[in-house]
Amino acid sequence: MAGGQAACVMTVGPETDFPVILGAYDAAADWIQKNGHEMAEPPREIWHSRLGRNVEPKMEIVWLFK
């Protein structure tokens, strides 16, 4: 992933499930556009928990902008 400024949204538990997760993507995209920026490349998902374990899922949407 290239470096730069990014809009980030953290999701936890059921917020990481589809289709609920789409709201996090929308929030990042809306923030970028409302603040006069453009998306620099596709968003990334960064998982802060291991899937399949008995832990609450935690995932971050990272969307670089210019």
PDB file of N, CA and C in Angstrom:
ATOM      1  N   MET A   1       0.845  -1.172   0.000  1.00  0.00           N
ATOM      2  CA  MET A   1       0.000   0.000   0.000  1.00  0.00           C
ATOM      3  C   MET A   1       0.890   1.236   0.000  1.00  0.00           C
ATOM      4  N   ALA A   2       0.575   2.127  -0.874  1.00  0.00           N
ATOM      5  CA  ALA A   2       1.297   3.394  -0.924  1.00  0.00           C
ATOM      6  C   ALA A   2       1.001   4.207   0.333  1.00  0.00           C
ATOM      7  N   GLY A   3       1.900   5.078   0.682  1.00  0.00           N
ATOM      8  CA  GLY A   3       1.686   5.944   1.833  1.00  0.00           C
ATOM      9  C   GLY A   3       0.878   7.169   1.448  1.00  0.00           C
ATOM     10  N   GLY A   4       0.500   7.935   2.433  1.00  0.00           N
ATOM     11  CA  GLY A   4      -0.237   9.170   2.181  1.00  0.00           C
ATOM     12  C   GLY A   4      -1.335   9.368   3.196  1.00  0.00           C
ATOM     13  N   GLN A   5      -2.185  10.330   2.936  1.00  0.00           N
ATOM     14  CA  GLN A   5      -3.307  10.609   3.822  1.00  0.00           C
ATOM     15  C   GLN A   5      -4.407   9.596   3.565  1.00  0.00           C
ATOM     16  N   ALA A   6      -5.091   9.207   4.637  1.00  0.00           N
ATOM     17  CA  ALA A   6      -6.136   8.198   4.500  1.00  0.00           C
ATOM     18  C   ALA A   6      -7.305   8.499   5.427  1.00  0.00           C
ATOM     19  N   ALA A   7      -8.482   8.167   4.955  1.00  0.00           N
ATOM     20  CA  ALA A   7      -9.678   8.157   5.796  1.00  0.00           C
ATOM     21  C   ALA A   7      -9.781   6.740   6.353  1.00  0.00           C
ATOM     22  N   CYS A   8      -9.974   6.624   7.665  1.00  0.00           N
ATOM     23  CA  CYS A   8     -10.016   5.313   8.311  1.00  0.00           C
ATOM     24  C   CYS A   8     -11.292   5.177   9.130  1.00  0.00           C
ATOM     25  N   VAL A   9     -11.873   3.996   9.075  1.00  0.00           N
ATOM     26  CA  VAL A   9     -13.071   3.693   9.854  1.00  0.00           C
ATOM     27  C   VAL A   9     -12.848   2.334  10.515  1.00  0.00           C
ATOM     28  N   MET A  10     -12.941   2.284  11.849  1.00  0.00           N
ATOM     29  CA  MET A  10     -12.775   1.038  12.596  1.00  0.00           C
ATOM     30  C   MET A  10     -14.140   0.387  12.794  1.00  0.00           C
ATOM     31  N   THR A  11     -14.213  -0.918  12.566  1.00  0.00           N
ATOM     32  CA  THR A  11     -15.444  -1.671  12.795  1.00  0.00           C
ATOM     33  C   THR A  11     -15.145  -2.803  13.765  1.00  0.00           C
ATOM     34  N   VAL A  12     -16.146  -3.152  14.577  1.00  0.00           N
ATOM     35  CA  VAL A  12     -15.972  -4.180  15.597  1.00  0.00           C
ATOM     36  C   VAL A  12     -17.214  -5.062  15.625  1.00  0.00           C
ATOM     37  N   GLY A  13     -16.996  -6.348  15.854  1.00  0.00           N
ATOM     38  CA  GLY A  13     -18.102  -7.285  16.014  1.00  0.00           C
ATOM     39  C   GLY A  13     -18.995  -7.360  14.799  1.00  0.00           C
ATOM     40  N   PRO A  14     -20.314  -7.238  15.003  1.00  0.00           N
ATOM     41  CA  PRO A  14     -21.259  -7.366  13.895  1.00  0.00           C
ATOM     42  C   PRO A  14     -21.098  -6.300  12.816  1.00  0.00           C
ATOM     43  N   GLU A  15     -20.412  -5.192  13.133  1.00  0.00           N
ATOM     44  CA  GLU A  15     -20.172  -4.149  12.131  1.00  0.00           C
ATOM     45  C   GLU A  15     -19.280  -4.659  11.002  1.00  0.00           C
ATOM     46  N   THR A  16     -18.554  -5.758  11.232  1.00  0.00           N
ATOM     47  CA  THR A  16     -17.653  -6.305  10.213  1.00  0.00           C
ATOM     48  C   THR A  16     -18.377  -7.239   9.247  1.00  0.00           C
ATOM     49  N   ASP A  17     -19.633  -7.544   9.541  1.00  0.00           N
ATOM     50  CA  ASP A  17     -20.405  -8.470   8.703  1.00  0.00           C
ATOM     51  C   ASP A  17     -20.996  -7.760   7.487  1.00  0.00           C
ATOM     52  N   PHE A  18     -21.140  -8.521   6.411  1.00  0.00           N
ATOM     53  CA  PHE A  18     -21.837  -8.030   5.219  1.00  0.00           C
ATOM     54  C   PHE A  18     -23.329  -8.199   5.439  1.00  0.00           C
ATOM     55  N   PRO A  19     -24.158  -7.255   5.134  1.00  0.00           N
ATOM     56  CA  PRO A  19     -23.940  -6.013   4.409  1.00  0.00           C
ATOM     57  C   PRO A  19     -23.670  -4.806   5.302  1.00  0.00           C
ATOM     58  N   VAL A  20     -23.622  -5.001   6.627  1.00  0.00           N
ATOM     59  CA  VAL A  20     -23.429  -3.877   7.551  1.00  0.00           C
ATOM     60  C   VAL A  20     -22.119  -3.144   7.264  1.00  0.00           C
ATOM     61  N   ILE A  21     -21.073  -3.878   6.882  1.00  0.00           N
ATOM     62  CA  ILE A  21     -19.760  -3.288   6.637  1.00  0.00           C
ATOM     63  C   ILE A  21     -19.798  -2.226   5.536  1.00  0.00           C
ATOM     64  N   LEU A  22     -20.773  -2.313   4.656  1.00  0.00           N
ATOM     65  CA  LEU A  22     -20.878  -1.330   3.581  1.00  0.00           C
ATOM     66  C   LEU A  22     -21.038   0.090   4.124  1.00  0.00           C
ATOM     67  N   GLY A  23     -21.629   0.214   5.301  1.00  0.00           N
ATOM     68  CA  GLY A  23     -21.774   1.527   5.927  1.00  0.00           C
ATOM     69  C   GLY A  23     -20.432   2.155   6.266  1.00  0.00           C
ATOM     70  N   ALA A  24     -19.447   1.333   6.638  1.00  0.00           N
ATOM     71  CA  ALA A  24     -18.108   1.847   6.938  1.00  0.00           C
ATOM     72  C   ALA A  24     -17.436   2.348   5.666  1.00  0.00           C
ATOM     73  N   TYR A  25     -17.593   1.607   4.583  1.00  0.00           N
ATOM     74  CA  TYR A  25     -17.044   2.060   3.297  1.00  0.00           C
ATOM     75  C   TYR A  25     -17.703   3.367   2.883  1.00  0.00           C
ATOM     76  N   ASP A  26     -19.019   3.456   3.036  1.00  0.00           N
ATOM     77  CA  ASP A  26     -19.746   4.683   2.684  1.00  0.00           C
ATOM     78  C   ASP A  26     -19.284   5.855   3.533  1.00  0.00           C
ATOM     79  N   ALA A  27     -19.054   5.620   4.827  1.00  0.00           N
ATOM     80  CA  ALA A  27     -18.616   6.690   5.724  1.00  0.00           C
ATOM     81  C   ALA A  27     -17.257   7.244   5.299  1.00  0.00           C
ATOM     82  N   ALA A  28     -16.333   6.356   4.940  1.00  0.00           N
ATOM     83  CA  ALA A  28     -15.007   6.808   4.499  1.00  0.00           C
ATOM     84  C   ALA A  28     -15.109   7.583   3.184  1.00  0.00           C
ATOM     85  N   ALA A  29     -15.860   7.046   2.236  1.00  0.00           N
ATOM     86  CA  ALA A  29     -16.015   7.713   0.929  1.00  0.00           C
ATOM     87  C   ALA A  29     -16.706   9.067   1.089  1.00  0.00           C
ATOM     88  N   ASP A  30     -17.743   9.125   1.915  1.00  0.00           N
ATOM     89  CA  ASP A  30     -18.459  10.381   2.138  1.00  0.00           C
ATOM     90  C   ASP A  30     -17.543  11.437   2.748  1.00  0.00           C
ATOM     91  N   TRP A  31     -16.723  11.031   3.737  1.00  0.00           N
ATOM     92  CA  TRP A  31     -15.823  11.975   4.384  1.00  0.00           C
ATOM     93  C   TRP A  31     -14.822  12.531   3.373  1.00  0.00           C
ATOM     94  N   ILE A  32     -14.260  11.660   2.541  1.00  0.00           N
ATOM     95  CA  ILE A  32     -13.289  12.083   1.530  1.00  0.00           C
ATOM     96  C   ILE A  32     -13.923  13.114   0.603  1.00  0.00           C
ATOM     97  N   GLN A  33     -15.099  12.810   0.074  1.00  0.00           N
ATOM     98  CA  GLN A  33     -15.750  13.699  -0.874  1.00  0.00           C
ATOM     99  C   GLN A  33     -16.220  14.999  -0.234  1.00  0.00           C
ATOM    100  N   LYS A  34     -16.787  14.925   0.973  1.00  0.00           N
ATOM    101  CA  LYS A  34     -17.293  16.127   1.637  1.00  0.00           C
ATOM    102  C   LYS A  34     -16.180  17.085   2.033  1.00  0.00           C
ATOM    103  N   ASN A  35     -14.954  16.579   2.146  1.00  0.00           N
ATOM    104  CA  ASN A  35     -13.819  17.415   2.517  1.00  0.00           C
ATOM    105  C   ASN A  35     -12.977  17.826   1.312  1.00  0.00           C
ATOM    106  N   GLY A  36     -13.548  17.664   0.098  1.00  0.00           N
ATOM    107  CA  GLY A  36     -12.927  18.169  -1.110  1.00  0.00           C
ATOM    108  C   GLY A  36     -11.755  17.353  -1.635  1.00  0.00           C
ATOM    109  N   HIS A  37     -11.692  16.078  -1.267  1.00  0.00           N
ATOM    110  CA  HIS A  37     -10.600  15.223  -1.730  1.00  0.00           C
ATOM    111  C   HIS A  37     -11.118  14.220  -2.757  1.00  0.00           C
ATOM    112  N   GLU A  38     -10.183  13.496  -3.359  1.00  0.00           N
ATOM    113  CA  GLU A  38     -10.506  12.423  -4.295  1.00  0.00           C
ATOM    114  C   GLU A  38      -9.861  11.136  -3.801  1.00  0.00           C
ATOM    115  N   MET A  39     -10.522  10.013  -4.053  1.00  0.00           N
ATOM    116  CA  MET A  39      -9.944   8.724  -3.696  1.00  0.00           C
ATOM    117  C   MET A  39      -8.695   8.505  -4.536  1.00  0.00           C
ATOM    118  N   ALA A  40      -7.607   8.058  -3.914  1.00  0.00           N
ATOM    119  CA  ALA A  40      -6.349   7.856  -4.624  1.00  0.00           C
ATOM    120  C   ALA A  40      -6.227   6.446  -5.186  1.00  0.00           C
ATOM    121  N   GLU A  41      -6.811   5.483  -4.504  1.00  0.00           N
ATOM    122  CA  GLU A  41      -6.786   4.088  -4.942  1.00  0.00           C
ATOM    123  C   GLU A  41      -7.878   3.338  -4.193  1.00  0.00           C
ATOM    124  N   PRO A  42      -8.101   2.062  -4.509  1.00  0.00           N
ATOM    125  CA  PRO A  42      -9.172   1.322  -3.836  1.00  0.00           C
ATOM    126  C   PRO A  42      -8.936   1.222  -2.325  1.00  0.00           C
ATOM    127  N   PRO A  43     -10.013   1.091  -1.554  1.00  0.00           N
ATOM    128  CA  PRO A  43      -9.864   0.962  -0.105  1.00  0.00           C
ATOM    129  C   PRO A  43      -9.237  -0.378   0.264  1.00  0.00           C
ATOM    130  N   ARG A  44      -8.703  -0.438   1.470  1.00  0.00           N
ATOM    131  CA  ARG A  44      -8.107  -1.665   2.000  1.00  0.00           C
ATOM    132  C   ARG A  44      -8.807  -2.043   3.296  1.00  0.00           C
ATOM    133  N   GLU A  45      -8.845  -3.328   3.565  1.00  0.00           N
ATOM    134  CA  GLU A  45      -9.320  -3.835   4.856  1.00  0.00           C
ATOM    135  C   GLU A  45      -8.104  -4.302   5.633  1.00  0.00           C
ATOM    136  N   ILE A  46      -7.962  -3.808   6.851  1.00  0.00           N
ATOM    137  CA  ILE A  46      -6.891  -4.256   7.736  1.00  0.00           C
ATOM    138  C   ILE A  46      -7.544  -4.928   8.931  1.00  0.00           C
ATOM    139  N   TRP A  47      -7.315  -6.219   9.058  1.00  0.00           N
ATOM    140  CA  TRP A  47      -7.907  -6.987  10.156  1.00  0.00           C
ATOM    141  C   TRP A  47      -6.999  -6.921  11.370  1.00  0.00           C
ATOM    142  N   HIS A  48      -7.588  -6.556  12.511  1.00  0.00           N
ATOM    143  CA  HIS A  48      -6.855  -6.455  13.765  1.00  0.00           C
ATOM    144  C   HIS A  48      -7.173  -7.632  14.679  1.00  0.00           C
ATOM    145  N   SER A  49      -7.852  -8.611  14.156  1.00  0.00           N
ATOM    146  CA  SER A  49      -8.166  -9.830  14.914  1.00  0.00           C
ATOM    147  C   SER A  49      -8.038 -11.005  13.959  1.00  0.00           C
ATOM    148  N   ARG A  50      -7.898 -12.174  14.517  1.00  0.00           N
ATOM    149  CA  ARG A  50      -7.796 -13.378  13.702  1.00  0.00           C
ATOM    150  C   ARG A  50      -9.184 -13.956  13.493  1.00  0.00           C
ATOM    151  N   LEU A  51      -9.535 -14.166  12.238  1.00  0.00           N
ATOM    152  CA  LEU A  51     -10.826 -14.772  11.941  1.00  0.00           C
ATOM    153  C   LEU A  51     -10.807 -16.236  12.359  1.00  0.00           C
ATOM    154  N   GLY A  52     -11.949 -16.738  12.774  1.00  0.00           N
ATOM    155  CA  GLY A  52     -12.064 -18.132  13.149  1.00  0.00           C
ATOM    156  C   GLY A  52     -11.666 -18.415  14.586  1.00  0.00           C
ATOM    157  N   ARG A  53     -11.256 -17.413  15.302  1.00  0.00           N
ATOM    158  CA  ARG A  53     -10.898 -17.568  16.719  1.00  0.00           C
ATOM    159  C   ARG A  53     -12.071 -17.091  17.568  1.00  0.00           C
ATOM    160  N   ASN A  54     -12.033 -17.394  18.829  1.00  0.00           N
ATOM    161  CA  ASN A  54     -13.098 -16.966  19.738  1.00  0.00           C
ATOM    162  C   ASN A  54     -12.830 -15.557  20.252  1.00  0.00           C
ATOM    163  N   VAL A  55     -12.640 -14.641  19.327  1.00  0.00           N
ATOM    164  CA  VAL A  55     -12.448 -13.237  19.666  1.00  0.00           C
ATOM    165  C   VAL A  55     -13.396 -12.413  18.814  1.00  0.00           C
ATOM    166  N   GLU A  56     -13.728 -11.245  19.317  1.00  0.00           N
ATOM    167  CA  GLU A  56     -14.604 -10.362  18.558  1.00  0.00           C
ATOM    168  C   GLU A  56     -13.840  -9.813  17.352  1.00  0.00           C
ATOM    169  N   PRO A  57     -14.405  -9.910  16.142  1.00  0.00           N
ATOM    170  CA  PRO A  57     -13.698  -9.391  14.974  1.00  0.00           C
ATOM    171  C   PRO A  57     -13.525  -7.877  15.050  1.00  0.00           C
ATOM    172  N   LYS A  58     -12.382  -7.423  14.578  1.00  0.00           N
ATOM    173  CA  LYS A  58     -12.072  -5.996  14.561  1.00  0.00           C
ATOM    174  C   LYS A  58     -11.349  -5.720  13.247  1.00  0.00           C
ATOM    175  N   MET A  59     -11.897  -4.801  12.442  1.00  0.00           N
ATOM    176  CA  MET A  59     -11.355  -4.535  11.120  1.00  0.00           C
ATOM    177  C   MET A  59     -11.434  -3.045  10.815  1.00  0.00           C
ATOM    178  N   GLU A  60     -10.426  -2.551  10.104  1.00  0.00           N
ATOM    179  CA  GLU A  60     -10.343  -1.133   9.770  1.00  0.00           C
ATOM    180  C   GLU A  60     -10.386  -0.962   8.255  1.00  0.00           C
ATOM    181  N   ILE A  61     -11.218  -0.036   7.799  1.00  0.00           N
ATOM    182  CA  ILE A  61     -11.235   0.362   6.402  1.00  0.00           C
ATOM    183  C   ILE A  61     -10.249   1.531   6.273  1.00  0.00           C
ATOM    184  N   VAL A  62      -9.327   1.424   5.330  1.00  0.00           N
ATOM    185  CA  VAL A  62      -8.347   2.479   5.082  1.00  0.00           C
ATOM    186  C   VAL A  62      -8.454   2.867   3.616  1.00  0.00           C
ATOM    187  N   TRP A  63      -8.763   4.138   3.373  1.00  0.00           N
ATOM    188  CA  TRP A  63      -8.965   4.614   2.003  1.00  0.00           C
ATOM    189  C   TRP A  63      -8.075   5.835   1.767  1.00  0.00           C
ATOM    190  N   LEU A  64      -7.025   5.656   0.967  1.00  0.00           N
ATOM    191  CA  LEU A  64      -6.121   6.753   0.661  1.00  0.00           C
ATOM    192  C   LEU A  64      -6.815   7.799  -0.207  1.00  0.00           C
ATOM    193  N   PHE A  65      -6.479   9.062   0.041  1.00  0.00           N
ATOM    194  CA  PHE A  65      -7.065  10.134  -0.759  1.00  0.00           C
ATOM    195  C   PHE A  65      -6.007  11.151  -1.133  1.00  0.00           C
ATOM    196  N   LYS A  66      -6.329  11.957  -2.140  1.00  0.00           N
ATOM    197  CA  LYS A  66      -5.436  13.033  -2.563  1.00  0.00           C
ATOM    198  C   LYS A  66      -6.182  14.341  -2.622  1.00  0.00           C
TER     199      LYS A  66
END
